[in-house]
Amino acid sequence: MPRFGRDTQVNTLIGCGHFLSHYYQLCLPPLFVVWQRAFGVSYAELGLSVALMAVTTAAAQTPVGFLVDRYGARRFLIAGALLMALSVAAMGLATAFWQVVVLAMLSGLGNSVIHPADYAILSGSVGRDRIGRSFSLHTFVGYVGFAVAPPMTAALILLIGWRATLLLIGLAGVPVVAAIVWQSRILVDQKRSPETGAAAAKASARMLFSRSILLFFGFYMVSSMAGAGIQSWLITVLHRTHGLSLEAASAALTGYMVGMMAGVLLGGWVADRSDRHFLFVLVLTIVGAGLMLMVDLIPAADLVTMVLLFVSGLALGASRTPRDVMVKDAAPPGQIGKVFGFVSAGLALGGAIMPVPYGMLIDAGRPDLVLVVVAALWLASLLFMGSARAGGRAEAVQAAAE
């Protein structure tokens, strides 16, 4: 079978699972209104279902990464994807809200498998000359899952009711899992380390807490802290600081997200054609942060604001895949699962930390400072990345000397 054909099949299988992972994360909020009536719960309790799903995913990713590296990724990918899908489907049968919360946590546990297993499989299945495009496609389909989940779920609720909707979208994951099982022979795992036992576990833990990996964790976390301000508050900020209508502000956010998605694909193409990943991320992050500041500080027509945000999203999205390739290259052989599990937990932590502080700025009458903080965090993330790169080189030299 031609290599390109096999790579395409691998990317399709892994991409479908990643799409579902992101879809399931955002399919619950459209259900809040009907759940409040059905179960008689508060909005705070409704928010708990999403929060506990995210916390479970973040907490389990690193331990799952250790298991992926030791025992192989395929079995965990199959089990995790099936648990994630069936848990969402079972919510359609819930008779009490506590059951929804428990099932949300189970779905989050299944979701925790996706990043460690996906990156381990992609790294072993796809050639080095195509890995950038493979990583970018993986990220892109995740964004598509985020984008389509709220409107599609809301439309299904109107058409068939909330219980049938959950059963339908949950059981839609079963054919994906079946396809992964059927085609599992083409999913080549990363080369695993031959070392096992307590000494190997200790060495792995020491590697995760090495200077370079901790700094990559910080890089992911601070980047996510910046992104949380855009996703949660951009519409409010543009409406209150520049007087954009809610429709125009929503269109600006959509433009930013479309730019991000297009940039992700562009970044994968570039990552396969250049080894200067650090310089690429550095320049594009500075450009993206600078455009964000221009939007905040310089009054402009609505269309100009939308264009600036689109280009900012394009630049920041294009920096994602080279960033991921840098992390892959920093991971020792056979350790990709735990490294991506660990740094991906930084994404979840960063997204959880900042929405409230941003909201406090707006409550204090300073919505104009939100994008300033966002831009400052994007720039601060570069300090972590640069230090991680330098630390990785120093650790490699030290390892060679030993």
Protein backbone atom coordinates (compact mmCIF):
# COMPACT_ATOMS: atom_id res chain seq x y z
CA MET A 1 0.00 0.00 0.00
CA PRO A 2 1.44 3.43 -0.86
CA ARG A 3 2.67 5.33 2.15
CA PHE A 4 0.51 8.35 1.46
CA GLY A 5 -2.56 6.12 1.39
CA ARG A 6 -1.68 4.57 4.73
CA ASP A 7 -0.92 7.98 6.25
CA THR A 8 -4.30 9.22 5.05
CA GLN A 9 -6.08 6.29 6.68
CA VAL A 10 -4.20 6.80 9.94
CA ASN A 11 -4.99 10.52 10.00
CA THR A 12 -8.67 9.82 9.23
CA LEU A 13 -9.05 7.26 12.02
CA ILE A 14 -7.24 9.32 14.63
CA GLY A 15 -8.92 12.52 13.42
CA CYS A 16 -12.43 11.08 13.78
CA GLY A 17 -11.69 10.16 17.39
CA HIS A 18 -10.28 13.63 18.09
CA PHE A 19 -13.32 15.27 16.48
CA LEU A 20 -15.61 13.31 18.80
CA SER A 21 -13.44 14.19 21.79
CA HIS A 22 -13.90 17.91 21.16
CA TYR A 23 -17.55 17.53 20.15
CA TYR A 24 -18.40 15.78 23.41
CA GLN A 25 -16.70 18.52 25.42
CA LEU A 26 -19.05 21.19 24.03
CA CYS A 27 -22.25 19.21 23.49
CA LEU A 28 -23.45 19.67 27.07
CA PRO A 29 -23.94 23.49 27.35
CA PRO A 30 -26.83 23.54 24.80
CA LEU A 31 -28.60 21.06 27.08
CA PHE A 32 -28.50 23.29 30.16
CA VAL A 33 -31.86 24.98 29.61
CA VAL A 34 -33.77 21.72 29.17
CA TRP A 35 -31.83 20.02 31.99
CA GLN A 36 -32.75 22.84 34.37
CA ARG A 37 -36.42 22.15 33.73
CA ALA A 38 -36.04 18.37 33.64
CA PHE A 39 -34.01 18.00 36.84
CA GLY A 40 -34.84 21.21 38.75
CA VAL A 41 -31.18 22.18 39.27
CA SER A 42 -29.39 25.54 39.38
CA TYR A 43 -27.08 26.87 36.69
CA ALA A 44 -24.19 26.47 39.10
CA GLU A 45 -24.99 22.75 39.34
CA LEU A 46 -25.26 22.55 35.57
CA GLY A 47 -21.84 24.13 35.24
CA LEU A 48 -20.49 21.50 37.60
CA SER A 49 -21.07 18.79 34.99
CA VAL A 50 -18.78 20.53 32.47
CA ALA A 51 -16.22 21.52 35.10
CA LEU A 52 -15.89 17.99 36.49
CA MET A 53 -15.62 16.54 33.00
CA ALA A 54 -12.72 18.90 32.25
CA VAL A 55 -11.03 18.35 35.63
CA THR A 56 -11.21 14.57 35.24
CA THR A 57 -9.64 14.79 31.78
CA ALA A 58 -6.84 17.05 32.99
CA ALA A 59 -6.09 14.97 36.09
CA ALA A 60 -6.02 11.63 34.26
CA GLN A 61 -3.99 12.61 31.18
CA THR A 62 -0.53 12.19 32.70
CA PRO A 63 -1.20 8.81 34.42
CA VAL A 64 -2.78 7.58 31.18
CA GLY A 65 0.31 8.78 29.32
CA PHE A 66 2.46 6.50 31.51
CA LEU A 67 0.18 3.56 30.69
CA VAL A 68 0.24 4.38 26.97
CA ASP A 69 4.05 4.43 26.93
CA ARG A 70 4.34 1.16 28.84
CA TYR A 71 1.59 -0.96 27.32
CA GLY A 72 0.92 0.65 23.93
CA ALA A 73 -1.56 3.25 22.76
CA ARG A 74 -4.08 1.32 20.67
CA ARG A 75 -5.85 -0.55 23.47
CA PHE A 76 -6.20 2.64 25.51
CA LEU A 77 -7.43 4.64 22.52
CA ILE A 78 -10.14 2.04 21.82
CA ALA A 79 -11.20 1.75 25.47
CA GLY A 80 -11.11 5.51 26.08
CA ALA A 81 -13.07 6.43 22.95
CA LEU A 82 -15.70 3.78 23.73
CA LEU A 83 -16.05 4.94 27.36
CA MET A 84 -16.34 8.56 26.23
CA ALA A 85 -19.06 7.80 23.67
CA LEU A 86 -21.13 5.40 25.76
CA SER A 87 -21.07 7.76 28.75
CA VAL A 88 -22.58 10.54 26.64
CA ALA A 89 -25.18 8.15 25.23
CA ALA A 90 -26.10 6.98 28.76
CA MET A 91 -26.86 10.58 29.76
CA GLY A 92 -29.93 10.27 27.55
CA LEU A 93 -31.25 7.64 29.99
CA ALA A 94 -30.52 9.62 33.18
CA THR A 95 -33.35 10.01 35.68
CA ALA A 96 -31.48 12.27 38.14
CA PHE A 97 -28.87 14.97 37.70
CA TRP A 98 -26.26 13.21 39.85
CA GLN A 99 -26.23 10.50 37.19
CA VAL A 100 -25.39 13.11 34.54
CA VAL A 101 -22.49 14.36 36.69
CA VAL A 102 -21.09 10.84 37.18
CA LEU A 103 -21.41 10.09 33.46
CA ALA A 104 -19.75 13.41 32.60
CA MET A 105 -16.77 12.41 34.75
CA LEU A 106 -16.64 8.98 33.07
CA SER A 107 -16.69 10.67 29.66
CA GLY A 108 -13.88 12.96 30.85
CA LEU A 109 -11.89 9.89 31.91
CA GLY A 110 -12.33 8.39 28.45
CA ASN A 111 -11.35 11.72 26.89
CA SER A 112 -8.11 11.77 28.90
CA VAL A 113 -6.80 8.98 26.66
CA ILE A 114 -7.09 10.92 23.40
CA HIS A 115 -4.03 13.19 23.46
CA PRO A 116 -1.47 10.73 24.89
CA ALA A 117 -2.63 7.89 22.63
CA ASP A 118 -3.14 9.99 19.48
CA TYR A 119 0.29 11.59 19.55
CA ALA A 120 1.99 8.28 20.35
CA ILE A 121 0.28 6.62 17.38
CA LEU A 122 0.83 9.51 14.97
CA SER A 123 4.51 9.67 15.92
CA GLY A 124 4.91 5.95 15.19
CA SER A 125 2.65 5.71 12.13
CA VAL A 126 3.48 8.83 10.12
CA GLY A 127 6.85 9.58 8.56
CA ARG A 128 8.98 12.42 9.90
CA ASP A 129 8.54 14.32 6.63
CA ARG A 130 4.74 14.38 7.11
CA ILE A 131 4.42 14.66 10.87
CA GLY A 132 3.78 18.42 10.86
CA ARG A 133 0.80 18.11 8.52
CA SER A 134 -0.45 15.13 10.49
CA PHE A 135 -0.31 17.05 13.78
CA SER A 136 -1.96 20.07 12.17
CA LEU A 137 -4.82 17.99 10.77
CA HIS A 138 -5.28 16.44 14.21
CA THR A 139 -5.61 19.89 15.79
CA PHE A 140 -7.82 21.17 12.96
CA VAL A 141 -10.47 18.45 13.27
CA GLY A 142 -10.55 19.08 17.02
CA TYR A 143 -11.40 22.73 16.34
CA VAL A 144 -14.10 21.60 13.90
CA GLY A 145 -15.59 19.47 16.69
CA PHE A 146 -15.69 22.50 18.96
CA ALA A 147 -17.27 24.63 16.23
CA VAL A 148 -20.10 22.30 15.22
CA ALA A 149 -21.03 20.87 18.64
CA PRO A 150 -23.21 23.71 20.01
CA PRO A 151 -25.31 24.46 16.90
CA MET A 152 -25.68 20.81 15.85
CA THR A 153 -26.65 19.68 19.35
CA ALA A 154 -29.14 22.54 19.71
CA ALA A 155 -30.71 21.70 16.34
CA LEU A 156 -31.04 18.03 17.26
CA ILE A 157 -32.69 18.91 20.59
CA LEU A 158 -35.35 20.88 18.72
CA LEU A 159 -35.89 18.05 16.24
CA ILE A 160 -35.85 14.90 18.37
CA GLY A 161 -35.64 15.98 22.03
CA TRP A 162 -32.72 15.96 24.43
CA ARG A 163 -32.74 12.27 25.36
CA ALA A 164 -32.73 11.06 21.76
CA THR A 165 -30.06 13.65 20.94
CA LEU A 166 -27.68 12.32 23.58
CA LEU A 167 -28.31 8.73 22.56
CA LEU A 168 -27.69 9.62 18.90
CA ILE A 169 -24.48 11.60 19.32
CA GLY A 170 -23.13 9.19 21.92
CA LEU A 171 -23.79 6.07 19.86
CA ALA A 172 -22.28 7.85 16.83
CA GLY A 173 -18.94 7.17 18.48
CA VAL A 174 -19.41 3.39 18.35
CA PRO A 175 -18.81 3.07 14.56
CA VAL A 176 -15.69 5.21 14.98
CA VAL A 177 -14.39 2.84 17.65
CA ALA A 178 -15.31 -0.14 15.44
CA ALA A 179 -13.34 1.37 12.55
CA ILE A 180 -10.31 1.87 14.81
CA VAL A 181 -10.52 -1.77 15.91
CA TRP A 182 -10.98 -2.98 12.34
CA GLN A 183 -8.05 -0.95 10.99
CA SER A 184 -5.85 -1.18 14.09
CA ARG A 185 -3.15 -3.02 12.14
CA ILE A 186 -2.20 0.23 10.38
CA LEU A 187 -1.91 2.14 13.68
CA VAL A 188 1.75 1.68 14.43
CA ASP A 189 2.64 2.67 17.98
CA GLN A 190 5.72 4.66 18.93
CA LYS A 191 8.83 2.62 19.64
CA ARG A 192 8.59 1.81 23.32
CA SER A 193 11.50 1.90 25.72
CA PRO A 194 12.73 -1.62 26.60
CA GLU A 195 13.29 -0.55 30.20
CA THR A 196 10.63 -1.52 32.73
CA GLY A 197 10.19 -1.70 36.47
CA ALA A 198 10.68 0.73 39.31
CA ALA A 199 13.90 2.21 37.95
CA ALA A 200 12.28 3.01 34.60
CA ALA A 201 9.24 4.56 36.33
CA LYS A 202 11.52 6.71 38.45
CA ALA A 203 13.48 7.83 35.40
CA SER A 204 10.23 8.68 33.58
CA ALA A 205 8.97 10.77 36.48
CA ARG A 206 12.33 12.54 36.66
CA MET A 207 12.10 13.26 32.93
CA LEU A 208 8.64 14.83 33.29
CA PHE A 209 9.95 17.15 35.98
CA SER A 210 13.05 18.06 34.02
CA ARG A 211 13.52 21.73 33.33
CA SER A 212 12.65 21.57 29.63
CA ILE A 213 9.40 19.56 30.02
CA LEU A 214 8.23 21.73 32.93
CA LEU A 215 8.86 24.80 30.81
CA PHE A 216 6.90 23.32 27.91
CA PHE A 217 4.08 22.68 30.40
CA GLY A 218 4.30 26.37 31.37
CA PHE A 219 4.32 27.37 27.70
CA TYR A 220 1.12 25.42 27.04
CA MET A 221 -0.53 26.68 30.23
CA VAL A 222 0.24 30.37 29.66
CA SER A 223 -0.82 30.13 26.00
CA SER A 224 -4.12 28.62 27.14
CA MET A 225 -4.54 31.40 29.73
CA ALA A 226 -4.29 33.89 26.88
CA GLY A 227 -6.67 31.96 24.62
CA ALA A 228 -9.28 31.75 27.38
CA GLY A 229 -9.67 35.52 27.29
CA ILE A 230 -10.52 35.45 23.60
CA GLN A 231 -12.91 32.52 23.71
CA SER A 232 -14.79 33.67 26.81
CA TRP A 233 -14.77 37.45 26.66
CA LEU A 234 -13.93 38.81 23.18
CA ILE A 235 -17.57 39.51 22.30
CA THR A 236 -18.16 41.38 25.57
CA VAL A 237 -14.91 43.34 25.26
CA LEU A 238 -15.54 44.47 21.67
CA HIS A 239 -19.12 45.43 22.52
CA ARG A 240 -18.18 47.47 25.59
CA THR A 241 -14.90 49.05 24.49
CA HIS A 242 -15.48 49.71 20.78
CA GLY A 243 -19.25 49.74 20.59
CA LEU A 244 -19.54 46.84 18.17
CA SER A 245 -23.00 45.33 18.01
CA LEU A 246 -23.32 41.85 19.46
CA GLU A 247 -23.75 40.52 15.93
CA ALA A 248 -20.57 42.23 14.70
CA ALA A 249 -18.62 41.18 17.79
CA SER A 250 -19.77 37.57 17.33
CA ALA A 251 -18.71 37.73 13.68
CA ALA A 252 -15.29 39.02 14.79
CA LEU A 253 -14.88 36.06 17.16
CA THR A 254 -15.93 33.69 14.38
CA GLY A 255 -13.37 35.33 12.08
CA TYR A 256 -10.67 34.86 14.71
CA MET A 257 -11.53 31.17 15.09
CA VAL A 258 -11.64 30.64 11.31
CA GLY A 259 -8.21 32.27 11.12
CA MET A 260 -6.97 29.94 13.85
CA MET A 261 -8.22 26.87 11.99
CA ALA A 262 -6.69 27.97 8.70
CA GLY A 263 -3.45 28.84 10.47
CA VAL A 264 -3.21 25.39 12.01
CA LEU A 265 -3.17 23.80 8.55
CA LEU A 266 -0.65 26.36 7.29
CA GLY A 267 1.60 25.72 10.29
CA GLY A 268 1.65 21.98 9.60
CA TRP A 269 2.75 22.57 6.02
CA VAL A 270 5.55 24.87 7.17
CA ALA A 271 6.64 22.54 9.98
CA ASP A 272 7.34 19.80 7.43
CA ARG A 273 9.48 22.10 5.31
CA SER A 274 11.59 23.80 7.95
CA ASP A 275 13.39 22.85 11.14
CA ARG A 276 13.33 26.45 12.40
CA HIS A 277 10.27 25.83 14.54
CA PHE A 278 11.33 28.11 17.36
CA LEU A 279 11.82 31.13 15.08
CA PHE A 280 8.49 30.44 13.37
CA VAL A 281 6.59 30.30 16.67
CA LEU A 282 8.43 33.36 18.00
CA VAL A 283 7.65 35.60 15.03
CA LEU A 284 4.04 34.52 14.61
CA THR A 285 3.20 34.81 18.30
CA ILE A 286 4.61 38.35 18.38
CA VAL A 287 2.59 39.23 15.26
CA GLY A 288 -0.60 37.73 16.73
CA ALA A 289 -0.16 39.48 20.08
CA GLY A 290 0.68 42.79 18.37
CA LEU A 291 -2.48 42.68 16.26
CA MET A 292 -4.49 41.91 19.39
CA LEU A 293 -3.10 45.05 21.01
CA MET A 294 -3.95 47.09 17.90
CA VAL A 295 -7.55 45.91 18.11
CA ASP A 296 -7.70 46.95 21.75
CA LEU A 297 -5.85 50.27 21.64
CA ILE A 298 -6.67 51.76 18.23
CA PRO A 299 -10.31 52.61 17.38
CA ALA A 300 -11.17 51.22 13.96
CA ALA A 301 -14.13 50.43 11.75
CA ASP A 302 -15.92 47.14 12.43
CA LEU A 303 -14.58 45.54 9.24
CA VAL A 304 -11.00 46.53 10.06
CA THR A 305 -11.37 45.03 13.54
CA MET A 306 -12.64 41.78 12.03
CA VAL A 307 -9.76 41.63 9.56
CA LEU A 308 -7.17 42.27 12.27
CA LEU A 309 -8.63 39.53 14.44
CA PHE A 310 -8.71 37.10 11.50
CA VAL A 311 -5.03 37.74 10.77
CA SER A 312 -4.18 37.49 14.48
CA GLY A 313 -5.94 34.12 14.61
CA LEU A 314 -4.14 33.02 11.46
CA ALA A 315 -0.74 33.86 12.94
CA LEU A 316 -1.43 32.27 16.32
CA GLY A 317 -2.99 29.18 14.75
CA ALA A 318 0.01 28.70 12.47
CA SER A 319 2.27 28.63 15.54
CA ARG A 320 0.43 25.62 17.05
CA THR A 321 1.85 22.77 14.98
CA PRO A 322 5.53 23.82 15.16
CA ARG A 323 4.99 24.07 18.93
CA ASP A 324 3.67 20.51 19.05
CA VAL A 325 6.54 19.23 16.90
CA MET A 326 9.01 20.88 19.30
CA VAL A 327 7.42 19.01 22.20
CA LYS A 328 7.55 15.73 20.27
CA ASP A 329 11.23 16.28 19.53
CA ALA A 330 11.90 17.05 23.20
CA ALA A 331 10.29 13.76 24.33
CA PRO A 332 12.75 10.86 24.73
CA PRO A 333 12.03 7.74 22.61
CA GLY A 334 9.07 5.80 23.97
CA GLN A 335 7.92 8.66 26.22
CA ILE A 336 5.64 10.64 23.89
CA GLY A 337 2.41 9.56 25.60
CA LYS A 338 3.32 10.81 29.05
CA VAL A 339 4.92 14.00 27.73
CA PHE A 340 1.86 15.02 25.70
CA GLY A 341 -0.43 13.91 28.51
CA PHE A 342 1.49 16.13 30.91
CA VAL A 343 1.76 19.26 28.76
CA SER A 344 -1.86 18.90 27.59
CA ALA A 345 -2.89 19.09 31.23
CA GLY A 346 -1.31 22.56 31.13
CA LEU A 347 -3.81 23.53 28.43
CA ALA A 348 -6.73 22.47 30.63
CA LEU A 349 -5.27 24.21 33.69
CA GLY A 350 -4.67 27.46 31.84
CA GLY A 351 -8.20 27.44 30.46
CA ALA A 352 -9.59 26.96 33.96
CA ILE A 353 -7.50 29.66 35.66
CA MET A 354 -8.25 32.81 33.68
CA PRO A 355 -11.95 33.23 32.78
CA VAL A 356 -12.78 34.47 36.31
CA PRO A 357 -9.92 37.04 36.54
CA TYR A 358 -10.87 38.36 33.10
CA GLY A 359 -14.48 38.66 34.29
CA MET A 360 -13.29 40.55 37.38
CA LEU A 361 -11.54 43.09 35.14
CA ILE A 362 -14.79 43.64 33.26
CA ASP A 363 -16.77 43.92 36.51
CA ALA A 364 -14.26 46.54 37.67
CA GLY A 365 -15.07 48.65 34.62
CA ARG A 366 -11.84 47.88 32.75
CA PRO A 367 -12.81 45.69 29.79
CA ASP A 368 -10.13 47.56 27.84
CA LEU A 369 -7.47 45.71 29.85
CA VAL A 370 -8.62 42.22 28.89
CA LEU A 371 -6.91 42.13 25.49
CA VAL A 372 -3.84 43.82 26.98
CA VAL A 373 -3.55 40.93 29.43
CA VAL A 374 -4.19 38.44 26.61
CA ALA A 375 -1.39 39.93 24.50
CA ALA A 376 0.97 40.05 27.50
CA LEU A 377 0.32 36.38 28.22
CA TRP A 378 0.98 35.41 24.61
CA LEU A 379 4.32 37.21 24.81
CA ALA A 380 5.10 35.73 28.23
CA SER A 381 4.54 32.24 26.84
CA LEU A 382 7.52 32.81 24.55
CA LEU A 383 9.79 33.11 27.59
CA PHE A 384 8.78 29.61 28.61
CA MET A 385 9.27 28.25 25.11
CA GLY A 386 12.70 29.83 24.66
CA SER A 387 13.84 28.58 28.05
CA ALA A 388 12.45 25.10 27.30
CA ARG A 389 14.39 24.99 24.05
CA ALA A 390 17.60 26.07 25.76
CA GLY A 391 16.99 23.64 28.62
CA GLY A 392 16.39 20.79 26.21
CA ARG A 393 19.69 21.43 24.47
CA ALA A 394 21.56 21.56 27.78
CA GLU A 395 19.96 18.29 28.92
CA ALA A 396 20.85 16.61 25.62
CA VAL A 397 24.49 17.69 25.98
CA GLN A 398 24.57 16.45 29.56
CA ALA A 399 23.02 13.10 28.57
CA ALA A 400 25.58 12.68 25.78
CA ALA A 401 28.41 13.41 28.21
CA GLU A 402 27.12 10.77 30.62
